[in-house]
Amino acid sequence: MQTLRCTKCGKVLLEAEGEAYIRKKCPKCKTINEFHIEKGIIQPIHKSN
C-alpha cells in the first residue's frame, strides 16, 4: 500500500496499491494532485499553471 499525500499541504488523500494514474482534489486546500504509481514507486506530477 502506498499513501498518497497532497503536494501542497501534506494531507493524506488515499492509499493505493498496484499501478495507476490518479487525479485527486484535496478537500483541505482544493489543490488538484496527480500521481503516477509504477512498480511501487509514487511519482507526483507537477504542472505549472
N, C-alpha and C. Protein backbone atom coordinates (compact mmCIF):
# COMPACT_ATOMS: atom_id res chain seq x y z
N MET A 1 0.83 -1.19 0.00
CA MET A 1 0.00 0.00 0.00
C MET A 1 0.88 1.25 0.00
N GLN A 2 0.49 2.20 -0.83
CA GLN A 2 1.19 3.48 -0.91
C GLN A 2 0.25 4.57 -0.41
N THR A 3 0.76 5.44 0.46
CA THR A 3 -0.04 6.55 0.96
C THR A 3 0.20 7.76 0.07
N LEU A 4 -0.86 8.31 -0.48
CA LEU A 4 -0.76 9.48 -1.34
C LEU A 4 -1.12 10.72 -0.55
N ARG A 5 -0.22 11.71 -0.55
CA ARG A 5 -0.42 12.94 0.20
C ARG A 5 -0.50 14.13 -0.74
N CYS A 6 -1.21 15.16 -0.31
CA CYS A 6 -1.31 16.40 -1.07
C CYS A 6 0.08 17.01 -1.18
N THR A 7 0.44 17.45 -2.38
CA THR A 7 1.77 18.03 -2.60
C THR A 7 1.90 19.41 -2.00
N LYS A 8 0.77 20.06 -1.68
CA LYS A 8 0.81 21.41 -1.13
C LYS A 8 0.74 21.42 0.40
N CYS A 9 -0.27 20.75 0.97
CA CYS A 9 -0.48 20.81 2.43
C CYS A 9 -0.07 19.54 3.17
N GLY A 10 0.12 18.41 2.47
CA GLY A 10 0.56 17.18 3.11
C GLY A 10 -0.54 16.29 3.66
N LYS A 11 -1.79 16.66 3.48
CA LYS A 11 -2.91 15.86 3.97
C LYS A 11 -2.95 14.53 3.22
N VAL A 12 -3.23 13.44 3.94
CA VAL A 12 -3.35 12.12 3.32
C VAL A 12 -4.63 12.08 2.50
N LEU A 13 -4.48 11.78 1.20
CA LEU A 13 -5.64 11.75 0.30
C LEU A 13 -6.23 10.34 0.20
N LEU A 14 -5.38 9.34 0.01
CA LEU A 14 -5.84 7.96 -0.08
C LEU A 14 -4.66 7.02 -0.07
N GLU A 15 -4.96 5.72 0.00
CA GLU A 15 -3.94 4.70 -0.10
C GLU A 15 -4.21 3.90 -1.37
N ALA A 16 -3.14 3.62 -2.11
CA ALA A 16 -3.30 2.92 -3.38
C ALA A 16 -2.33 1.75 -3.46
N GLU A 17 -2.68 0.79 -4.30
CA GLU A 17 -1.84 -0.38 -4.48
C GLU A 17 -1.81 -0.73 -5.96
N GLY A 18 -0.67 -1.22 -6.44
CA GLY A 18 -0.55 -1.60 -7.84
C GLY A 18 -0.06 -0.44 -8.69
N GLU A 19 -0.41 -0.46 -9.98
CA GLU A 19 -0.01 0.59 -10.90
C GLU A 19 -1.25 1.40 -11.27
N ALA A 20 -1.09 2.73 -11.23
CA ALA A 20 -2.26 3.58 -11.50
C ALA A 20 -1.83 4.99 -11.85
N TYR A 21 -2.76 5.72 -12.46
CA TYR A 21 -2.64 7.15 -12.66
C TYR A 21 -3.83 7.75 -11.93
N ILE A 22 -3.57 8.60 -10.94
CA ILE A 22 -4.64 9.10 -10.08
C ILE A 22 -4.64 10.62 -10.06
N ARG A 23 -5.82 11.21 -10.23
CA ARG A 23 -6.04 12.65 -10.03
C ARG A 23 -7.00 12.79 -8.87
N LYS A 24 -6.60 13.54 -7.87
CA LYS A 24 -7.43 13.68 -6.67
C LYS A 24 -7.36 15.11 -6.18
N LYS A 25 -8.53 15.70 -5.90
CA LYS A 25 -8.59 17.06 -5.38
C LYS A 25 -8.55 17.02 -3.86
N CYS A 26 -7.67 17.82 -3.28
CA CYS A 26 -7.53 17.88 -1.82
C CYS A 26 -8.73 18.61 -1.23
N PRO A 27 -9.43 18.00 -0.26
CA PRO A 27 -10.58 18.67 0.34
C PRO A 27 -10.19 19.84 1.24
N LYS A 28 -8.94 19.86 1.69
CA LYS A 28 -8.48 20.91 2.61
C LYS A 28 -8.07 22.18 1.86
N CYS A 29 -7.18 22.06 0.87
CA CYS A 29 -6.65 23.25 0.19
C CYS A 29 -7.13 23.38 -1.26
N LYS A 30 -7.93 22.43 -1.74
CA LYS A 30 -8.54 22.45 -3.08
C LYS A 30 -7.52 22.33 -4.23
N THR A 31 -6.31 21.86 -3.95
CA THR A 31 -5.30 21.64 -4.98
C THR A 31 -5.58 20.32 -5.68
N ILE A 32 -5.46 20.29 -7.00
CA ILE A 32 -5.61 19.05 -7.75
C ILE A 32 -4.25 18.37 -7.81
N ASN A 33 -4.19 17.15 -7.27
CA ASN A 33 -2.95 16.38 -7.21
C ASN A 33 -3.01 15.26 -8.23
N GLU A 34 -1.91 15.05 -8.94
CA GLU A 34 -1.83 13.96 -9.92
C GLU A 34 -0.65 13.07 -9.54
N PHE A 35 -0.91 11.76 -9.52
CA PHE A 35 0.12 10.80 -9.16
C PHE A 35 0.18 9.71 -10.22
N HIS A 36 1.39 9.24 -10.51
CA HIS A 36 1.59 8.10 -11.38
C HIS A 36 2.33 7.07 -10.56
N ILE A 37 1.68 5.94 -10.28
CA ILE A 37 2.28 4.88 -9.48
C ILE A 37 2.70 3.77 -10.43
N GLU A 38 3.98 3.44 -10.38
CA GLU A 38 4.51 2.41 -11.26
C GLU A 38 5.50 1.56 -10.48
N LYS A 39 5.24 0.25 -10.42
CA LYS A 39 6.12 -0.70 -9.73
C LYS A 39 6.40 -0.28 -8.29
N GLY A 40 5.38 0.21 -7.60
CA GLY A 40 5.53 0.58 -6.20
C GLY A 40 6.19 1.92 -5.96
N ILE A 41 6.48 2.68 -7.00
CA ILE A 41 7.12 3.99 -6.86
C ILE A 41 6.09 5.07 -7.18
N ILE A 42 5.90 6.00 -6.24
CA ILE A 42 4.97 7.11 -6.45
C ILE A 42 5.71 8.27 -7.09
N GLN A 43 5.18 8.78 -8.18
CA GLN A 43 5.76 9.93 -8.85
C GLN A 43 4.71 11.03 -8.93
N PRO A 44 4.78 12.04 -8.03
CA PRO A 44 3.85 13.17 -8.15
C PRO A 44 4.11 13.92 -9.45
N ILE A 45 3.06 14.33 -10.13
CA ILE A 45 3.19 15.07 -11.38
C ILE A 45 2.90 16.52 -11.08
N HIS A 46 3.91 17.37 -11.28
CA HIS A 46 3.75 18.80 -11.02
C HIS A 46 3.53 19.50 -12.35
N LYS A 47 2.46 20.27 -12.42
CA LYS A 47 2.17 21.03 -13.63
C LYS A 47 2.21 22.51 -13.30
N SER A 48 2.86 23.29 -14.13
CA SER A 48 2.88 24.74 -13.93
C SER A 48 1.65 25.34 -14.61
N ASN A 49 1.02 26.27 -13.93
CA ASN A 49 -0.21 26.88 -14.47
C ASN A 49 0.12 28.13 -15.23
